[in-house]
């Protein structure tokens, strides 16, 4: 999937919801191996700090909750490039939020 829709280069960014799913975890690992930044979105939960740490150990560049992504300035601050690719495995408002952050640049 990472190579099917857009040509990604080291330093590019991918965003996904359901980042703690088995597929989401694999995406983080592949992104790390290929030098691609991966932003993962997860649902709010009591043990969020532990989940974020685990996903970052697997390779996620940044993990945000569905609430945090709505107010995050991670892309405006220049910390990361806007994502060139998004993966949705949740749907609804989460999918809308993920797609809102995609770059419009070619």
PDB file of N, CA and C in Angstrom:
ATOM      1  N   UNK A   1       0.819  -1.197   0.000  1.00  0.00           N
ATOM      2  CA  UNK A   1       0.000   0.000   0.000  1.00  0.00           C
ATOM      3  C   UNK A   1       0.861   1.259   0.000  1.00  0.00           C
ATOM      4  N   UNK A   2       1.976   1.213   0.702  1.00  0.00           N
ATOM      5  CA  UNK A   2       2.821   2.396   0.794  1.00  0.00           C
ATOM      6  C   UNK A   2       3.411   2.795  -0.556  1.00  0.00           C
ATOM      7  N   UNK A   3       3.498   1.862  -1.479  1.00  0.00           N
ATOM      8  CA  UNK A   3       4.105   2.157  -2.773  1.00  0.00           C
ATOM      9  C   UNK A   3       3.105   2.131  -3.927  1.00  0.00           C
ATOM     10  N   UNK A   4       1.831   1.923  -3.641  1.00  0.00           N
ATOM     11  CA  UNK A   4       0.837   1.769  -4.697  1.00  0.00           C
ATOM     12  C   UNK A   4       0.229   3.072  -5.211  1.00  0.00           C
ATOM     13  N   UNK A   5       0.201   4.122  -4.428  1.00  0.00           N
ATOM     14  CA  UNK A   5      -0.587   5.305  -4.780  1.00  0.00           C
ATOM     15  C   UNK A   5       0.220   6.567  -5.039  1.00  0.00           C
ATOM     16  N   UNK A   6       1.373   6.687  -4.424  1.00  0.00           N
ATOM     17  CA  UNK A   6       2.210   7.870  -4.581  1.00  0.00           C
ATOM     18  C   UNK A   6       3.651   7.444  -4.345  1.00  0.00           C
ATOM     19  N   UNK A   7       4.582   8.092  -5.033  1.00  0.00           N
ATOM     20  CA  UNK A   7       5.990   7.772  -4.826  1.00  0.00           C
ATOM     21  C   UNK A   7       6.486   8.547  -3.612  1.00  0.00           C
ATOM     22  N   UNK A   8       6.813   7.818  -2.564  1.00  0.00           N
ATOM     23  CA  UNK A   8       7.300   8.430  -1.331  1.00  0.00           C
ATOM     24  C   UNK A   8       8.817   8.397  -1.298  1.00  0.00           C
ATOM     25  N   UNK A   9       9.397   9.448  -0.753  1.00  0.00           N
ATOM     26  CA  UNK A   9      10.845   9.550  -0.593  1.00  0.00           C
ATOM     27  C   UNK A   9      11.167   9.714   0.875  1.00  0.00           C
ATOM     28  N   UNK A  10      12.397   9.390   1.263  1.00  0.00           N
ATOM     29  CA  UNK A  10      12.785   9.629   2.659  1.00  0.00           C
ATOM     30  C   UNK A  10      12.482  11.073   3.057  1.00  0.00           C
ATOM     31  N   UNK A  11      11.903  11.243   4.229  1.00  0.00           N
ATOM     32  CA  UNK A  11      11.514  12.567   4.710  1.00  0.00           C
ATOM     33  C   UNK A  11      10.063  12.914   4.454  1.00  0.00           C
ATOM     34  N   UNK A  12       9.403  12.184   3.534  1.00  0.00           N
ATOM     35  CA  UNK A  12       7.972  12.386   3.309  1.00  0.00           C
ATOM     36  C   UNK A  12       7.202  11.886   4.527  1.00  0.00           C
ATOM     37  N   UNK A  13       5.924  12.223   4.574  1.00  0.00           N
ATOM     38  CA  UNK A  13       5.089  11.863   5.718  1.00  0.00           C
ATOM     39  C   UNK A  13       3.844  11.113   5.263  1.00  0.00           C
ATOM     40  N   UNK A  14       3.471  10.115   6.063  1.00  0.00           N
ATOM     41  CA  UNK A  14       2.246   9.335   5.887  1.00  0.00           C
ATOM     42  C   UNK A  14       1.429   9.510   7.160  1.00  0.00           C
ATOM     43  N   UNK A  15       0.103   9.584   7.033  1.00  0.00           N
ATOM     44  CA  UNK A  15      -0.771   9.680   8.202  1.00  0.00           C
ATOM     45  C   UNK A  15      -1.791   8.542   8.135  1.00  0.00           C
ATOM     46  N   UNK A  16      -2.135   7.997   9.285  1.00  0.00           N
ATOM     47  CA  UNK A  16      -3.111   6.911   9.321  1.00  0.00           C
ATOM     48  C   UNK A  16      -3.894   6.933  10.617  1.00  0.00           C
ATOM     49  N   UNK A  17      -5.164   6.565  10.527  1.00  0.00           N
ATOM     50  CA  UNK A  17      -5.930   6.328  11.747  1.00  0.00           C
ATOM     51  C   UNK A  17      -5.898   4.829  12.021  1.00  0.00           C
ATOM     52  N   UNK A  18      -6.378   4.416  13.161  1.00  0.00           N
ATOM     53  CA  UNK A  18      -6.274   3.002  13.510  1.00  0.00           C
ATOM     54  C   UNK A  18      -4.825   2.565  13.607  1.00  0.00           C
ATOM     55  N   UNK A  19      -3.980   3.471  14.056  1.00  0.00           N
ATOM     56  CA  UNK A  19      -2.532   3.262  14.032  1.00  0.00           C
ATOM     57  C   UNK A  19      -2.053   2.136  14.929  1.00  0.00           C
ATOM     58  N   UNK A  20      -2.891   1.685  15.835  1.00  0.00           N
ATOM     59  CA  UNK A  20      -2.494   0.602  16.729  1.00  0.00           C
ATOM     60  C   UNK A  20      -2.960  -0.768  16.228  1.00  0.00           C
ATOM     61  N   UNK A  21      -3.625  -0.806  15.080  1.00  0.00           N
ATOM     62  CA  UNK A  21      -4.030  -2.090  14.503  1.00  0.00           C
ATOM     63  C   UNK A  21      -2.788  -2.820  13.984  1.00  0.00           C
ATOM     64  N   UNK A  22      -2.938  -4.081  13.642  1.00  0.00           N
ATOM     65  CA  UNK A  22      -1.805  -4.846  13.111  1.00  0.00           C
ATOM     66  C   UNK A  22      -1.262  -4.212  11.831  1.00  0.00           C
ATOM     67  N   UNK A  23      -2.151  -3.786  10.945  1.00  0.00           N
ATOM     68  CA  UNK A  23      -1.713  -3.128   9.714  1.00  0.00           C
ATOM     69  C   UNK A  23      -1.045  -1.798  10.041  1.00  0.00           C
ATOM     70  N   UNK A  24      -1.636  -1.041  10.959  1.00  0.00           N
ATOM     71  CA  UNK A  24      -1.051   0.232  11.366  1.00  0.00           C
ATOM     72  C   UNK A  24       0.351   0.067  11.920  1.00  0.00           C
ATOM     73  N   UNK A  25       0.545  -0.953  12.722  1.00  0.00           N
ATOM     74  CA  UNK A  25       1.871  -1.211  13.282  1.00  0.00           C
ATOM     75  C   UNK A  25       2.869  -1.559  12.176  1.00  0.00           C
ATOM     76  N   UNK A  26       2.431  -2.345  11.195  1.00  0.00           N
ATOM     77  CA  UNK A  26       3.307  -2.688  10.075  1.00  0.00           C
ATOM     78  C   UNK A  26       3.672  -1.449   9.264  1.00  0.00           C
ATOM     79  N   UNK A  27       2.716  -0.544   9.075  1.00  0.00           N
ATOM     80  CA  UNK A  27       2.990   0.702   8.354  1.00  0.00           C
ATOM     81  C   UNK A  27       4.075   1.495   9.075  1.00  0.00           C
ATOM     82  N   UNK A  28       3.987   1.609  10.390  1.00  0.00           N
ATOM     83  CA  UNK A  28       5.018   2.331  11.145  1.00  0.00           C
ATOM     84  C   UNK A  28       6.388   1.692  10.955  1.00  0.00           C
ATOM     85  N   UNK A  29       6.444   0.376  11.003  1.00  0.00           N
ATOM     86  CA  UNK A  29       7.720  -0.325  10.865  1.00  0.00           C
ATOM     87  C   UNK A  29       8.324  -0.124   9.479  1.00  0.00           C
ATOM     88  N   UNK A  30       7.505  -0.235   8.441  1.00  0.00           N
ATOM     89  CA  UNK A  30       8.003  -0.025   7.084  1.00  0.00           C
ATOM     90  C   UNK A  30       8.455   1.413   6.872  1.00  0.00           C
ATOM     91  N   UNK A  31       7.678   2.351   7.381  1.00  0.00           N
ATOM     92  CA  UNK A  31       8.055   3.759   7.243  1.00  0.00           C
ATOM     93  C   UNK A  31       9.410   4.023   7.894  1.00  0.00           C
ATOM     94  N   UNK A  32       9.609   3.504   9.072  1.00  0.00           N
ATOM     95  CA  UNK A  32      10.902   3.696   9.741  1.00  0.00           C
ATOM     96  C   UNK A  32      12.031   3.125   8.884  1.00  0.00           C
ATOM     97  N   UNK A  33      11.842   1.925   8.362  1.00  0.00           N
ATOM     98  CA  UNK A  33      12.878   1.275   7.555  1.00  0.00           C
ATOM     99  C   UNK A  33      13.201   2.071   6.296  1.00  0.00           C
ATOM    100  N   UNK A  34      12.204   2.755   5.737  1.00  0.00           N
ATOM    101  CA  UNK A  34      12.389   3.499   4.497  1.00  0.00           C
ATOM    102  C   UNK A  34      12.635   4.990   4.709  1.00  0.00           C
ATOM    103  N   UNK A  35      12.739   5.436   5.946  1.00  0.00           N
ATOM    104  CA  UNK A  35      13.018   6.849   6.215  1.00  0.00           C
ATOM    105  C   UNK A  35      11.828   7.767   6.015  1.00  0.00           C
ATOM    106  N   UNK A  36      10.634   7.221   6.083  1.00  0.00           N
ATOM    107  CA  UNK A  36       9.399   7.997   5.904  1.00  0.00           C
ATOM    108  C   UNK A  36       8.800   8.279   7.273  1.00  0.00           C
ATOM    109  N   UNK A  37       8.350   9.493   7.490  1.00  0.00           N
ATOM    110  CA  UNK A  37       7.696   9.850   8.753  1.00  0.00           C
ATOM    111  C   UNK A  37       6.288   9.274   8.775  1.00  0.00           C
ATOM    112  N   UNK A  38       5.906   8.701   9.898  1.00  0.00           N
ATOM    113  CA  UNK A  38       4.544   8.172  10.019  1.00  0.00           C
ATOM    114  C   UNK A  38       3.848   8.797  11.221  1.00  0.00           C
ATOM    115  N   UNK A  39       2.694   9.362  10.938  1.00  0.00           N
ATOM    116  CA  UNK A  39       1.855   9.958  11.967  1.00  0.00           C
ATOM    117  C   UNK A  39       0.691   9.007  12.196  1.00  0.00           C
ATOM    118  N   UNK A  40       0.513   8.579  13.425  1.00  0.00           N
ATOM    119  CA  UNK A  40      -0.560   7.663  13.753  1.00  0.00           C
ATOM    120  C   UNK A  40      -1.619   8.326  14.606  1.00  0.00           C
ATOM    121  N   UNK A  41      -2.867   8.064  14.271  1.00  0.00           N
ATOM    122  CA  UNK A  41      -3.998   8.585  15.033  1.00  0.00           C
ATOM    123  C   UNK A  41      -4.675   7.403  15.728  1.00  0.00           C
ATOM    124  N   UNK A  42      -4.895   7.549  17.022  1.00  0.00           N
ATOM    125  CA  UNK A  42      -5.549   6.501  17.814  1.00  0.00           C
ATOM    126  C   UNK A  42      -6.694   7.114  18.608  1.00  0.00           C
ATOM    127  N   UNK A  43      -7.592   6.267  19.049  1.00  0.00           N
ATOM    128  CA  UNK A  43      -8.697   6.741  19.890  1.00  0.00           C
ATOM    129  C   UNK A  43      -8.182   7.063  21.285  1.00  0.00           C
ATOM    130  N   UNK A  44      -8.839   8.020  21.927  1.00  0.00           N
ATOM    131  CA  UNK A  44      -8.515   8.361  23.316  1.00  0.00           C
ATOM    132  C   UNK A  44      -8.797   7.152  24.199  1.00  0.00           C
ATOM    133  N   UNK A  45      -7.954   6.942  25.208  1.00  0.00           N
ATOM    134  CA  UNK A  45      -8.115   5.810  26.126  1.00  0.00           C
ATOM    135  C   UNK A  45      -7.308   6.080  27.389  1.00  0.00           C
ATOM    136  N   UNK A  46      -7.609   5.386  28.459  1.00  0.00           N
ATOM    137  CA  UNK A  46      -6.901   5.626  29.726  1.00  0.00           C
ATOM    138  C   UNK A  46      -5.394   5.376  29.650  1.00  0.00           C
ATOM    139  N   UNK A  47      -4.956   4.339  28.951  1.00  0.00           N
ATOM    140  CA  UNK A  47      -3.535   3.988  28.915  1.00  0.00           C
ATOM    141  C   UNK A  47      -2.825   4.567  27.684  1.00  0.00           C
ATOM    142  N   UNK A  48      -3.187   5.785  27.299  1.00  0.00           N
ATOM    143  CA  UNK A  48      -2.685   6.378  26.062  1.00  0.00           C
ATOM    144  C   UNK A  48      -1.170   6.567  26.062  1.00  0.00           C
ATOM    145  N   UNK A  49      -0.579   6.930  27.183  1.00  0.00           N
ATOM    146  CA  UNK A  49       0.875   7.153  27.219  1.00  0.00           C
ATOM    147  C   UNK A  49       1.632   5.874  26.868  1.00  0.00           C
ATOM    148  N   UNK A  50       1.183   4.751  27.405  1.00  0.00           N
ATOM    149  CA  UNK A  50       1.835   3.474  27.121  1.00  0.00           C
ATOM    150  C   UNK A  50       1.670   3.087  25.653  1.00  0.00           C
ATOM    151  N   UNK A  51       0.479   3.314  25.108  1.00  0.00           N
ATOM    152  CA  UNK A  51       0.233   2.995  23.709  1.00  0.00           C
ATOM    153  C   UNK A  51       1.111   3.851  22.802  1.00  0.00           C
ATOM    154  N   UNK A  52       1.183   5.145  23.082  1.00  0.00           N
ATOM    155  CA  UNK A  52       2.026   6.031  22.276  1.00  0.00           C
ATOM    156  C   UNK A  52       3.477   5.568  22.301  1.00  0.00           C
ATOM    157  N   UNK A  53       3.969   5.225  23.472  1.00  0.00           N
ATOM    158  CA  UNK A  53       5.355   4.779  23.605  1.00  0.00           C
ATOM    159  C   UNK A  53       5.597   3.498  22.799  1.00  0.00           C
ATOM    160  N   UNK A  54       4.685   2.551  22.888  1.00  0.00           N
ATOM    161  CA  UNK A  54       4.835   1.294  22.166  1.00  0.00           C
ATOM    162  C   UNK A  54       4.875   1.525  20.654  1.00  0.00           C
ATOM    163  N   UNK A  55       3.973   2.369  20.150  1.00  0.00           N
ATOM    164  CA  UNK A  55       3.929   2.627  18.714  1.00  0.00           C
ATOM    165  C   UNK A  55       5.155   3.404  18.246  1.00  0.00           C
ATOM    166  N   UNK A  56       5.657   4.304  19.067  1.00  0.00           N
ATOM    167  CA  UNK A  56       6.876   5.022  18.706  1.00  0.00           C
ATOM    168  C   UNK A  56       8.077   4.082  18.706  1.00  0.00           C
ATOM    169  N   UNK A  57       8.089   3.109  19.591  1.00  0.00           N
ATOM    170  CA  UNK A  57       9.158   2.107  19.580  1.00  0.00           C
ATOM    171  C   UNK A  57       9.121   1.273  18.298  1.00  0.00           C
ATOM    172  N   UNK A  58       7.939   1.072  17.751  1.00  0.00           N
ATOM    173  CA  UNK A  58       7.805   0.329  16.498  1.00  0.00           C
ATOM    174  C   UNK A  58       8.218   1.159  15.287  1.00  0.00           C
ATOM    175  N   UNK A  59       8.252   2.487  15.439  1.00  0.00           N
ATOM    176  CA  UNK A  59       8.671   3.313  14.318  1.00  0.00           C
ATOM    177  C   UNK A  59       7.837   4.535  14.038  1.00  0.00           C
ATOM    178  N   UNK A  60       6.727   4.717  14.742  1.00  0.00           N
ATOM    179  CA  UNK A  60       5.899   5.906  14.512  1.00  0.00           C
ATOM    180  C   UNK A  60       6.688   7.166  14.842  1.00  0.00           C
ATOM    181  N   UNK A  61       6.600   8.154  13.982  1.00  0.00           N
ATOM    182  CA  UNK A  61       7.252   9.434  14.233  1.00  0.00           C
ATOM    183  C   UNK A  61       6.488  10.210  15.284  1.00  0.00           C
ATOM    184  N   UNK A  62       5.171  10.146  15.197  1.00  0.00           N
ATOM    185  CA  UNK A  62       4.302  10.878  16.125  1.00  0.00           C
ATOM    186  C   UNK A  62       2.992  10.113  16.253  1.00  0.00           C
ATOM    187  N   UNK A  63       2.475  10.048  17.474  1.00  0.00           N
ATOM    188  CA  UNK A  63       1.166   9.448  17.725  1.00  0.00           C
ATOM    189  C   UNK A  63       0.298  10.507  18.393  1.00  0.00           C
ATOM    190  N   UNK A  64      -0.872  10.731  17.822  1.00  0.00           N
ATOM    191  CA  UNK A  64      -1.823  11.700  18.359  1.00  0.00           C
ATOM    192  C   UNK A  64      -3.175  11.014  18.537  1.00  0.00           C
ATOM    193  N   UNK A  65      -3.923  11.462  19.520  1.00  0.00           N
ATOM    194  CA  UNK A  65      -5.281  10.956  19.680  1.00  0.00           C
ATOM    195  C   UNK A  65      -6.197  11.680  18.698  1.00  0.00           C
ATOM    196  N   UNK A  66      -7.409  11.161  18.542  1.00  0.00           N
ATOM    197  CA  UNK A  66      -8.376  11.819  17.662  1.00  0.00           C
ATOM    198  C   UNK A  66      -8.673  13.235  18.135  1.00  0.00           C
ATOM    199  N   UNK A  67      -8.611  13.469  19.428  1.00  0.00           N
ATOM    200  CA  UNK A  67      -8.813  14.819  19.962  1.00  0.00           C
ATOM    201  C   UNK A  67      -7.606  15.702  19.667  1.00  0.00           C
ATOM    202  N   UNK A  68      -6.413  15.184  19.871  1.00  0.00           N
ATOM    203  CA  UNK A  68      -5.188  15.973  19.674  1.00  0.00           C
ATOM    204  C   UNK A  68      -4.985  16.392  18.225  1.00  0.00           C
ATOM    205  N   UNK A  69      -5.315  15.536  17.272  1.00  0.00           N
ATOM    206  CA  UNK A  69      -5.086  15.874  15.865  1.00  0.00           C
ATOM    207  C   UNK A  69      -5.944  17.056  15.431  1.00  0.00           C
ATOM    208  N   UNK A  70      -7.091  17.234  16.064  1.00  0.00           N
ATOM    209  CA  UNK A  70      -7.981  18.345  15.694  1.00  0.00           C
ATOM    210  C   UNK A  70      -7.388  19.702  16.039  1.00  0.00           C
ATOM    211  N   UNK A  71      -6.488  19.742  17.014  1.00  0.00           N
ATOM    212  CA  UNK A  71      -5.913  21.024  17.443  1.00  0.00           C
ATOM    213  C   UNK A  71      -4.403  21.088  17.245  1.00  0.00           C
ATOM    214  N   UNK A  72      -3.821  20.053  16.681  1.00  0.00           N
ATOM    215  CA  UNK A  72      -2.366  19.998  16.524  1.00  0.00           C
ATOM    216  C   UNK A  72      -1.878  20.970  15.458  1.00  0.00           C
ATOM    217  N   UNK A  73      -0.723  21.572  15.714  1.00  0.00           N
ATOM    218  CA  UNK A  73      -0.081  22.430  14.716  1.00  0.00           C
ATOM    219  C   UNK A  73       1.198  21.772  14.201  1.00  0.00           C
ATOM    220  N   UNK A  74       1.249  20.457  14.262  1.00  0.00           N
ATOM    221  CA  UNK A  74       2.449  19.706  13.905  1.00  0.00           C
ATOM    222  C   UNK A  74       2.912  19.999  12.479  1.00  0.00           C
ATOM    223  N   UNK A  75       1.985  20.245  11.565  1.00  0.00           N
ATOM    224  CA  UNK A  75       2.372  20.521  10.189  1.00  0.00           C
ATOM    225  C   UNK A  75       2.597  22.013   9.959  1.00  0.00           C
ATOM    226  N   UNK A  76       1.838  22.862  10.620  1.00  0.00           N
ATOM    227  CA  UNK A  76       2.020  24.308  10.494  1.00  0.00           C
ATOM    228  C   UNK A  76       3.342  24.755  11.092  1.00  0.00           C
ATOM    229  N   UNK A  77       3.782  24.074  12.141  1.00  0.00           N
ATOM    230  CA  UNK A  77       5.020  24.452  12.819  1.00  0.00           C
ATOM    231  C   UNK A  77       6.250  24.111  11.989  1.00  0.00           C
ATOM    232  N   UNK A  78       6.085  23.283  10.972  1.00  0.00           N
ATOM    233  CA  UNK A  78       7.215  22.879  10.151  1.00  0.00           C
ATOM    234  C   UNK A  78       7.969  21.688  10.714  1.00  0.00           C
ATOM    235  N   UNK A  79       7.491  21.156  11.832  1.00  0.00           N
ATOM    236  CA  UNK A  79       8.146  19.987  12.431  1.00  0.00           C
ATOM    237  C   UNK A  79       8.149  18.819  11.445  1.00  0.00           C
ATOM    238  N   UNK A  80       7.059  18.665  10.716  1.00  0.00           N
ATOM    239  CA  UNK A  80       6.938  17.609   9.711  1.00  0.00           C
ATOM    240  C   UNK A  80       6.283  18.165   8.455  1.00  0.00           C
ATOM    241  N   UNK A  81       6.620  17.562   7.312  1.00  0.00           N
ATOM    242  CA  UNK A  81       5.923  17.899   6.071  1.00  0.00           C
ATOM    243  C   UNK A  81       4.487  17.397   6.163  1.00  0.00           C
ATOM    244  N   UNK A  82       3.585  18.074   5.456  1.00  0.00           N
ATOM    245  CA  UNK A  82       2.208  17.577   5.382  1.00  0.00           C
ATOM    246  C   UNK A  82       2.224  16.214   4.693  1.00  0.00           C
ATOM    247  N   UNK A  83       1.374  15.313   5.127  1.00  0.00           N
ATOM    248  CA  UNK A  83       1.361  13.961   4.562  1.00  0.00           C
ATOM    249  C   UNK A  83       1.015  13.934   3.077  1.00  0.00           C
ATOM    250  N   UNK A  84       1.698  13.048   2.355  1.00  0.00           N
ATOM    251  CA  UNK A  84       1.411  12.824   0.941  1.00  0.00           C
ATOM    252  C   UNK A  84       0.487  11.633   0.744  1.00  0.00           C
ATOM    253  N   UNK A  85       0.313  10.841   1.811  1.00  0.00           N
ATOM    254  CA  UNK A  85      -0.493   9.630   1.723  1.00  0.00           C
ATOM    255  C   UNK A  85      -1.216   9.421   3.041  1.00  0.00           C
ATOM    256  N   UNK A  86      -2.460   8.978   2.967  1.00  0.00           N
ATOM    257  CA  UNK A  86      -3.244   8.699   4.178  1.00  0.00           C
ATOM    258  C   UNK A  86      -3.885   7.325   4.059  1.00  0.00           C
ATOM    259  N   UNK A  87      -3.958   6.646   5.195  1.00  0.00           N
ATOM    260  CA  UNK A  87      -4.651   5.362   5.280  1.00  0.00           C
ATOM    261  C   UNK A  87      -5.782   5.494   6.283  1.00  0.00           C
ATOM    262  N   UNK A  88      -6.956   5.014   5.882  1.00  0.00           N
ATOM    263  CA  UNK A  88      -8.128   5.084   6.744  1.00  0.00           C
ATOM    264  C   UNK A  88      -8.638   3.679   7.024  1.00  0.00           C
ATOM    265  N   UNK A  89      -8.726   3.327   8.289  1.00  0.00           N
ATOM    266  CA  UNK A  89      -9.339   2.040   8.638  1.00  0.00           C
ATOM    267  C   UNK A  89     -10.441   2.225   9.673  1.00  0.00           C
ATOM    268  N   UNK A  90     -10.862   3.475   9.883  1.00  0.00           N
ATOM    269  CA  UNK A  90     -11.869   3.769  10.904  1.00  0.00           C
ATOM    270  C   UNK A  90     -13.138   4.348  10.288  1.00  0.00           C
ATOM    271  N   UNK A  91     -12.996   5.293   9.379  1.00  0.00           N
ATOM    272  CA  UNK A  91     -14.141   5.950   8.770  1.00  0.00           C
ATOM    273  C   UNK A  91     -14.656   7.111   9.603  1.00  0.00           C
ATOM    274  N   UNK A  92     -15.755   7.700   9.172  1.00  0.00           N
ATOM    275  CA  UNK A  92     -16.412   8.774   9.912  1.00  0.00           C
ATOM    276  C   UNK A  92     -15.557  10.016  10.092  1.00  0.00           C
ATOM    277  N   UNK A  93     -15.711  10.648  11.260  1.00  0.00           N
ATOM    278  CA  UNK A  93     -14.996  11.888  11.558  1.00  0.00           C
ATOM    279  C   UNK A  93     -13.484  11.691  11.533  1.00  0.00           C
ATOM    280  N   UNK A  94     -13.034  10.525  11.955  1.00  0.00           N
ATOM    281  CA  UNK A  94     -11.601  10.250  11.954  1.00  0.00           C
ATOM    282  C   UNK A  94     -11.039  10.290  10.535  1.00  0.00           C
ATOM    283  N   UNK A  95     -11.744   9.710   9.585  1.00  0.00           N
ATOM    284  CA  UNK A  95     -11.304   9.724   8.190  1.00  0.00           C
ATOM    285  C   UNK A  95     -11.286  11.143   7.637  1.00  0.00           C
ATOM    286  N   UNK A  96     -12.285  11.918   7.971  1.00  0.00           N
ATOM    287  CA  UNK A  96     -12.334  13.314   7.537  1.00  0.00           C
ATOM    288  C   UNK A  96     -11.146  14.084   8.086  1.00  0.00           C
ATOM    289  N   UNK A  97     -10.845  13.879   9.345  1.00  0.00           N
ATOM    290  CA  UNK A  97      -9.731  14.583   9.981  1.00  0.00           C
ATOM    291  C   UNK A  97      -8.394  14.192   9.353  1.00  0.00           C
ATOM    292  N   UNK A  98      -8.212  12.917   9.091  1.00  0.00           N
ATOM    293  CA  UNK A  98      -6.974  12.454   8.467  1.00  0.00           C
ATOM    294  C   UNK A  98      -6.824  13.083   7.082  1.00  0.00           C
ATOM    295  N   UNK A  99      -7.868  13.061   6.272  1.00  0.00           N
ATOM    296  CA  UNK A  99      -7.782  13.614   4.920  1.00  0.00           C
ATOM    297  C   UNK A  99      -7.602  15.126   4.926  1.00  0.00           C
ATOM    298  N   UNK A 100      -8.068  15.794   5.958  1.00  0.00           N
ATOM    299  CA  UNK A 100      -7.915  17.251   6.063  1.00  0.00           C
ATOM    300  C   UNK A 100      -6.449  17.670   6.114  1.00  0.00           C
ATOM    301  N   UNK A 101      -5.586  16.789   6.560  1.00  0.00           N
ATOM    302  CA  UNK A 101      -4.173  17.129   6.722  1.00  0.00           C
ATOM    303  C   UNK A 101      -3.317  16.786   5.510  1.00  0.00           C
ATOM    304  N   UNK A 102      -3.885  16.145   4.499  1.00  0.00           N
ATOM    305  CA  UNK A 102      -3.105  15.793   3.314  1.00  0.00           C
ATOM    306  C   UNK A 102      -2.633  17.033   2.571  1.00  0.00           C
ATOM    307  N   UNK A 103      -1.455  16.941   1.995  1.00  0.00           N
ATOM    308  CA  UNK A 103      -0.945  18.033   1.185  1.00  0.00           C
ATOM    309  C   UNK A 103      -1.682  18.062  -0.151  1.00  0.00           C
ATOM    310  N   UNK A 104      -1.750  19.218  -0.747  1.00  0.00           N
ATOM    311  CA  UNK A 104      -2.331  19.341  -2.081  1.00  0.00           C
ATOM    312  C   UNK A 104      -1.230  19.444  -3.125  1.00  0.00           C
ATOM    313  N   UNK A 105       0.022  19.497  -2.674  1.00  0.00           N
ATOM    314  CA  UNK A 105       1.156  19.588  -3.594  1.00  0.00           C
ATOM    315  C   UNK A 105       1.385  18.244  -4.270  1.00  0.00           C
ATOM    316  N   UNK A 106       1.841  18.291  -5.496  1.00  0.00           N
ATOM    317  CA  UNK A 106       2.111  17.051  -6.243  1.00  0.00           C
ATOM    318  C   UNK A 106       3.366  16.379  -5.759  1.00  0.00           C
TER     319      UNK A 106
END
